[in-house]
PDB file of all heavy atoms in Angstrom:
ATOM      1  N   MET A   1       1.568  -2.050 -13.603  1.00  0.00           N
ATOM      2  CA  MET A   1       0.156  -2.247 -13.195  1.00  0.00           C
ATOM      3  C   MET A   1      -0.528  -0.951 -13.000  1.00  0.00           C
ATOM      4  O   MET A   1      -0.032  -0.176 -12.174  1.00  0.00           O
ATOM      5  CB  MET A   1       0.115  -3.101 -11.931  1.00  0.00           C
ATOM      6  CG  MET A   1       0.677  -4.510 -12.093  1.00  0.00           C
ATOM      7  SD  MET A   1       0.544  -5.380 -10.474  1.00  0.00           S
ATOM      8  CE  MET A   1       1.430  -6.899 -10.939  1.00  0.00           C
ATOM      9  N   SER A   2      -1.551  -0.658 -13.700  1.00  0.00           N
ATOM     10  CA  SER A   2      -2.218   0.671 -13.572  1.00  0.00           C
ATOM     11  C   SER A   2      -3.383   0.632 -12.632  1.00  0.00           C
ATOM     12  O   SER A   2      -3.700   1.705 -12.036  1.00  0.00           O
ATOM     13  CB  SER A   2      -2.692   1.133 -14.962  1.00  0.00           C
ATOM     14  OG  SER A   2      -3.618   0.141 -15.517  1.00  0.00           O
ATOM     15  N   GLU A   3      -3.986  -0.503 -12.369  1.00  0.00           N
ATOM     16  CA  GLU A   3      -5.106  -0.533 -11.457  1.00  0.00           C
ATOM     17  C   GLU A   3      -4.595  -0.394 -10.030  1.00  0.00           C
ATOM     18  O   GLU A   3      -3.428  -0.618  -9.739  1.00  0.00           O
ATOM     19  CB  GLU A   3      -5.878  -1.837 -11.595  1.00  0.00           C
ATOM     20  CG  GLU A   3      -6.534  -1.982 -12.990  1.00  0.00           C
ATOM     21  CD  GLU A   3      -5.542  -2.831 -13.942  1.00  0.00           C
ATOM     22  OE1 GLU A   3      -4.354  -2.857 -13.634  1.00  0.00           O
ATOM     23  OE2 GLU A   3      -6.071  -3.379 -14.908  1.00  0.00           O
ATOM     24  N   ARG A   4      -5.533  -0.149  -9.120  1.00  0.00           N
ATOM     25  CA  ARG A   4      -5.136  -0.012  -7.751  1.00  0.00           C
ATOM     26  C   ARG A   4      -4.780  -1.278  -7.071  1.00  0.00           C
ATOM     27  O   ARG A   4      -5.166  -2.385  -7.549  1.00  0.00           O
ATOM     28  CB  ARG A   4      -6.269   0.734  -6.936  1.00  0.00           C
ATOM     29  CG  ARG A   4      -7.522  -0.069  -6.781  1.00  0.00           C
ATOM     30  CD  ARG A   4      -8.544   0.679  -5.980  1.00  0.00           C
ATOM     31  NE  ARG A   4      -9.762  -0.079  -5.805  1.00  0.00           N
ATOM     32  CZ  ARG A   4     -10.667   0.176  -4.918  1.00  0.00           C
ATOM     33  NH1 ARG A   4     -10.504   1.173  -4.057  1.00  0.00           N
ATOM     34  NH2 ARG A   4     -11.765  -0.576  -4.819  1.00  0.00           N
ATOM     35  N   ILE A   5      -4.049  -1.161  -5.967  1.00  0.00           N
ATOM     36  CA  ILE A   5      -3.650  -2.329  -5.155  1.00  0.00           C
ATOM     37  C   ILE A   5      -4.332  -2.251  -3.834  1.00  0.00           C
ATOM     38  O   ILE A   5      -4.357  -1.154  -3.188  1.00  0.00           O
ATOM     39  CB  ILE A   5      -2.144  -2.343  -5.010  1.00  0.00           C
ATOM     40  CG1 ILE A   5      -1.458  -2.663  -6.341  1.00  0.00           C
ATOM     41  CG2 ILE A   5      -1.750  -3.358  -3.971  1.00  0.00           C
ATOM     42  CD1 ILE A   5       0.026  -2.664  -6.295  1.00  0.00           C
ATOM     43  N   LEU A   6      -4.880  -3.348  -3.375  1.00  0.00           N
ATOM     44  CA  LEU A   6      -5.608  -3.431  -2.106  1.00  0.00           C
ATOM     45  C   LEU A   6      -4.596  -3.939  -1.054  1.00  0.00           C
ATOM     46  O   LEU A   6      -3.915  -4.949  -1.318  1.00  0.00           O
ATOM     47  CB  LEU A   6      -6.787  -4.353  -2.213  1.00  0.00           C
ATOM     48  CG  LEU A   6      -7.610  -4.529  -0.862  1.00  0.00           C
ATOM     49  CD1 LEU A   6      -8.377  -3.232  -0.513  1.00  0.00           C
ATOM     50  CD2 LEU A   6      -8.587  -5.740  -0.984  1.00  0.00           C
ATOM     51  N   VAL A   7      -4.519  -3.287   0.101  1.00  0.00           N
ATOM     52  CA  VAL A   7      -3.679  -3.711   1.179  1.00  0.00           C
ATOM     53  C   VAL A   7      -4.589  -4.077   2.393  1.00  0.00           C
ATOM     54  O   VAL A   7      -5.112  -3.196   2.994  1.00  0.00           O
ATOM     55  CB  VAL A   7      -2.660  -2.628   1.597  1.00  0.00           C
ATOM     56  CG1 VAL A   7      -1.808  -3.092   2.706  1.00  0.00           C
ATOM     57  CG2 VAL A   7      -1.826  -2.247   0.375  1.00  0.00           C
ATOM     58  N   THR A   8      -4.756  -5.397   2.625  1.00  0.00           N
ATOM     59  CA  THR A   8      -5.494  -5.779   3.803  1.00  0.00           C
ATOM     60  C   THR A   8      -4.534  -5.633   5.054  1.00  0.00           C
ATOM     61  O   THR A   8      -3.357  -5.644   4.922  1.00  0.00           O
ATOM     62  CB  THR A   8      -6.061  -7.193   3.674  1.00  0.00           C
ATOM     63  OG1 THR A   8      -5.018  -8.100   3.708  1.00  0.00           O
ATOM     64  CG2 THR A   8      -6.864  -7.304   2.401  1.00  0.00           C
ATOM     65  N   GLY A   9      -5.173  -5.498   6.208  1.00  0.00           N
ATOM     66  CA  GLY A   9      -4.351  -5.214   7.409  1.00  0.00           C
ATOM     67  C   GLY A   9      -3.591  -3.918   7.151  1.00  0.00           C
ATOM     68  O   GLY A   9      -2.486  -3.735   7.642  1.00  0.00           O
ATOM     69  N   GLY A  10      -4.210  -2.979   6.455  1.00  0.00           N
ATOM     70  CA  GLY A  10      -3.573  -1.826   5.949  1.00  0.00           C
ATOM     71  C   GLY A  10      -3.103  -0.777   6.953  1.00  0.00           C
ATOM     72  O   GLY A  10      -2.380   0.127   6.587  1.00  0.00           O
ATOM     73  N   THR A  11      -3.580  -0.905   8.221  1.00  0.00           N
ATOM     74  CA  THR A  11      -3.143   0.010   9.258  1.00  0.00           C
ATOM     75  C   THR A  11      -2.188  -0.728  10.224  1.00  0.00           C
ATOM     76  O   THR A  11      -1.842  -0.129  11.272  1.00  0.00           O
ATOM     77  CB  THR A  11      -4.331   0.604  10.009  1.00  0.00           C
ATOM     78  OG1 THR A  11      -5.080  -0.442  10.609  1.00  0.00           O
ATOM     79  CG2 THR A  11      -5.226   1.460   9.075  1.00  0.00           C
ATOM     80  N   GLY A  12      -1.831  -1.954   9.901  1.00  0.00           N
ATOM     81  CA  GLY A  12      -0.984  -2.749  10.821  1.00  0.00           C
ATOM     82  C   GLY A  12       0.484  -2.497  10.587  1.00  0.00           C
ATOM     83  O   GLY A  12       0.887  -1.650   9.839  1.00  0.00           O
ATOM     84  N   THR A  13       1.326  -3.341  11.191  1.00  0.00           N
ATOM     85  CA  THR A  13       2.747  -3.188  11.207  1.00  0.00           C
ATOM     86  C   THR A  13       3.344  -3.192   9.845  1.00  0.00           C
ATOM     87  O   THR A  13       4.131  -2.312   9.426  1.00  0.00           O
ATOM     88  CB  THR A  13       3.443  -4.256  12.116  1.00  0.00           C
ATOM     89  OG1 THR A  13       2.907  -4.161  13.424  1.00  0.00           O
ATOM     90  CG2 THR A  13       4.920  -4.095  12.120  1.00  0.00           C
ATOM     91  N   THR A  14       3.039  -4.212   9.046  1.00  0.00           N
ATOM     92  CA  THR A  14       3.547  -4.305   7.674  1.00  0.00           C
ATOM     93  C   THR A  14       2.607  -3.596   6.664  1.00  0.00           C
ATOM     94  O   THR A  14       3.098  -2.972   5.743  1.00  0.00           O
ATOM     95  CB  THR A  14       3.802  -5.754   7.233  1.00  0.00           C
ATOM     96  OG1 THR A  14       2.550  -6.435   7.182  1.00  0.00           O
ATOM     97  CG2 THR A  14       4.808  -6.454   8.120  1.00  0.00           C
ATOM     98  N   GLY A  15       1.318  -3.746   6.860  1.00  0.00           N
ATOM     99  CA  GLY A  15       0.371  -3.179   5.884  1.00  0.00           C
ATOM    100  C   GLY A  15       0.495  -1.696   5.746  1.00  0.00           C
ATOM    101  O   GLY A  15       0.451  -1.116   4.616  1.00  0.00           O
ATOM    102  N   SER A  16       0.649  -0.943   6.888  1.00  0.00           N
ATOM    103  CA  SER A  16       0.813   0.477   6.808  1.00  0.00           C
ATOM    104  C   SER A  16       2.071   0.849   6.032  1.00  0.00           C
ATOM    105  O   SER A  16       2.118   1.849   5.214  1.00  0.00           O
ATOM    106  CB  SER A  16       0.834   1.057   8.204  1.00  0.00           C
ATOM    107  OG  SER A  16       1.919   0.555   8.919  1.00  0.00           O
ATOM    108  N   ARG A  17       3.112   0.103   6.216  1.00  0.00           N
ATOM    109  CA  ARG A  17       4.348   0.348   5.500  1.00  0.00           C
ATOM    110  C   ARG A  17       4.249   0.051   4.004  1.00  0.00           C
ATOM    111  O   ARG A  17       4.777   0.752   3.139  1.00  0.00           O
ATOM    112  CB  ARG A  17       5.546  -0.467   6.148  1.00  0.00           C
ATOM    113  CG  ARG A  17       5.905   0.079   7.474  1.00  0.00           C
ATOM    114  CD  ARG A  17       6.878  -0.985   8.193  1.00  0.00           C
ATOM    115  NE  ARG A  17       7.524  -0.396   9.368  1.00  0.00           N
ATOM    116  CZ  ARG A  17       6.994  -0.259  10.561  1.00  0.00           C
ATOM    117  NH1 ARG A  17       5.788  -0.710  10.768  1.00  0.00           N
ATOM    118  NH2 ARG A  17       7.696   0.243  11.570  1.00  0.00           N
ATOM    119  N   VAL A  18       3.570  -1.021   3.712  1.00  0.00           N
ATOM    120  CA  VAL A  18       3.296  -1.386   2.276  1.00  0.00           C
ATOM    121  C   VAL A  18       2.509  -0.296   1.605  1.00  0.00           C
ATOM    122  O   VAL A  18       2.858   0.177   0.494  1.00  0.00           O
ATOM    123  CB  VAL A  18       2.571  -2.739   2.201  1.00  0.00           C
ATOM    124  CG1 VAL A  18       2.142  -2.991   0.731  1.00  0.00           C
ATOM    125  CG2 VAL A  18       3.499  -3.871   2.644  1.00  0.00           C
ATOM    126  N   ALA A  19       1.427   0.136   2.213  1.00  0.00           N
ATOM    127  CA  ALA A  19       0.588   1.218   1.701  1.00  0.00           C
ATOM    128  C   ALA A  19       1.372   2.478   1.444  1.00  0.00           C
ATOM    129  O   ALA A  19       1.221   3.146   0.395  1.00  0.00           O
ATOM    130  CB  ALA A  19      -0.613   1.442   2.581  1.00  0.00           C
ATOM    131  N   ARG A  20       2.145   2.816   2.414  1.00  0.00           N
ATOM    132  CA  ARG A  20       2.939   4.065   2.308  1.00  0.00           C
ATOM    133  C   ARG A  20       3.921   4.024   1.093  1.00  0.00           C
ATOM    134  O   ARG A  20       4.062   4.931   0.348  1.00  0.00           O
ATOM    135  CB  ARG A  20       3.714   4.344   3.613  1.00  0.00           C
ATOM    136  CG  ARG A  20       4.475   5.671   3.574  1.00  0.00           C
ATOM    137  CD  ARG A  20       4.944   6.064   4.953  1.00  0.00           C
ATOM    138  NE  ARG A  20       5.804   5.102   5.509  1.00  0.00           N
ATOM    139  CZ  ARG A  20       5.513   4.281   6.579  1.00  0.00           C
ATOM    140  NH1 ARG A  20       4.356   4.388   7.076  1.00  0.00           N
ATOM    141  NH2 ARG A  20       6.369   3.471   7.040  1.00  0.00           N
ATOM    142  N   ARG A  21       4.606   2.883   1.037  1.00  0.00           N
ATOM    143  CA  ARG A  21       5.609   2.693  -0.075  1.00  0.00           C
ATOM    144  C   ARG A  21       4.938   2.731  -1.453  1.00  0.00           C
ATOM    145  O   ARG A  21       5.452   3.315  -2.413  1.00  0.00           O
ATOM    146  CB  ARG A  21       6.404   1.411   0.127  1.00  0.00           C
ATOM    147  CG  ARG A  21       7.435   1.500   1.182  1.00  0.00           C
ATOM    148  CD  ARG A  21       8.087   0.136   1.443  1.00  0.00           C
ATOM    149  NE  ARG A  21       9.146   0.253   2.437  1.00  0.00           N
ATOM    150  CZ  ARG A  21      10.405   0.481   2.216  1.00  0.00           C
ATOM    151  NH1 ARG A  21      10.806   0.706   0.950  1.00  0.00           N
ATOM    152  NH2 ARG A  21      11.292   0.577   3.167  1.00  0.00           N
ATOM    153  N   LEU A  22       3.772   2.089  -1.617  1.00  0.00           N
ATOM    154  CA  LEU A  22       3.050   2.072  -2.843  1.00  0.00           C
ATOM    155  C   LEU A  22       2.645   3.483  -3.215  1.00  0.00           C
ATOM    156  O   LEU A  22       2.811   3.951  -4.340  1.00  0.00           O
ATOM    157  CB  LEU A  22       1.847   1.193  -2.746  1.00  0.00           C
ATOM    158  CG  LEU A  22       2.111  -0.325  -2.639  1.00  0.00           C
ATOM    159  CD1 LEU A  22       0.789  -1.062  -2.334  1.00  0.00           C
ATOM    160  CD2 LEU A  22       2.649  -0.852  -3.986  1.00  0.00           C
ATOM    161  N   ALA A  23       2.103   4.249  -2.214  1.00  0.00           N
ATOM    162  CA  ALA A  23       1.711   5.621  -2.514  1.00  0.00           C
ATOM    163  C   ALA A  23       2.928   6.507  -2.923  1.00  0.00           C
ATOM    164  O   ALA A  23       2.800   7.301  -3.854  1.00  0.00           O
ATOM    165  CB  ALA A  23       1.054   6.206  -1.259  1.00  0.00           C
ATOM    166  N   GLU A  24       4.058   6.233  -2.312  1.00  0.00           N
ATOM    167  CA  GLU A  24       5.265   6.944  -2.632  1.00  0.00           C
ATOM    168  C   GLU A  24       5.728   6.710  -4.096  1.00  0.00           C
ATOM    169  O   GLU A  24       6.387   7.481  -4.737  1.00  0.00           O
ATOM    170  CB  GLU A  24       6.441   6.663  -1.688  1.00  0.00           C
ATOM    171  CG  GLU A  24       6.140   7.237  -0.287  1.00  0.00           C
ATOM    172  CD  GLU A  24       7.200   6.746   0.714  1.00  0.00           C
ATOM    173  OE1 GLU A  24       7.944   5.789   0.433  1.00  0.00           O
ATOM    174  OE2 GLU A  24       7.195   7.233   1.850  1.00  0.00           O
ATOM    175  N   HIS A  25       5.333   5.521  -4.571  1.00  0.00           N
ATOM    176  CA  HIS A  25       5.605   5.142  -5.962  1.00  0.00           C
ATOM    177  C   HIS A  25       4.526   5.616  -6.903  1.00  0.00           C
ATOM    178  O   HIS A  25       4.576   5.295  -8.147  1.00  0.00           O
ATOM    179  CB  HIS A  25       5.803   3.638  -6.113  1.00  0.00           C
ATOM    180  CG  HIS A  25       7.092   3.110  -5.604  1.00  0.00           C
ATOM    181  ND1 HIS A  25       7.328   2.955  -4.268  1.00  0.00           N
ATOM    182  CD2 HIS A  25       8.261   2.767  -6.236  1.00  0.00           C
ATOM    183  CE1 HIS A  25       8.583   2.414  -4.120  1.00  0.00           C
ATOM    184  NE2 HIS A  25       9.165   2.365  -5.296  1.00  0.00           N
ATOM    185  N   GLY A  26       3.590   6.350  -6.438  1.00  0.00           N
ATOM    186  CA  GLY A  26       2.511   6.891  -7.304  1.00  0.00           C
ATOM    187  C   GLY A  26       1.486   5.864  -7.674  1.00  0.00           C
ATOM    188  O   GLY A  26       0.755   6.044  -8.705  1.00  0.00           O
ATOM    189  N   ILE A  27       1.313   4.793  -6.912  1.00  0.00           N
ATOM    190  CA  ILE A  27       0.386   3.735  -7.208  1.00  0.00           C
ATOM    191  C   ILE A  27      -0.908   3.947  -6.360  1.00  0.00           C
ATOM    192  O   ILE A  27      -0.819   4.256  -5.183  1.00  0.00           O
ATOM    193  CB  ILE A  27       0.988   2.368  -6.885  1.00  0.00           C
ATOM    194  CG1 ILE A  27       2.194   2.095  -7.788  1.00  0.00           C
ATOM    195  CG2 ILE A  27      -0.028   1.207  -7.012  1.00  0.00           C
ATOM    196  CD1 ILE A  27       3.028   0.887  -7.395  1.00  0.00           C
TER     197      ILE A  27
END
């Protein structure tokens, strides 16, 4: 998937972790 991914609740317990992992994968 080349388009960006939206993470709602992105500063919360799971959202912040999801966002960080996606960024680490270059997404």
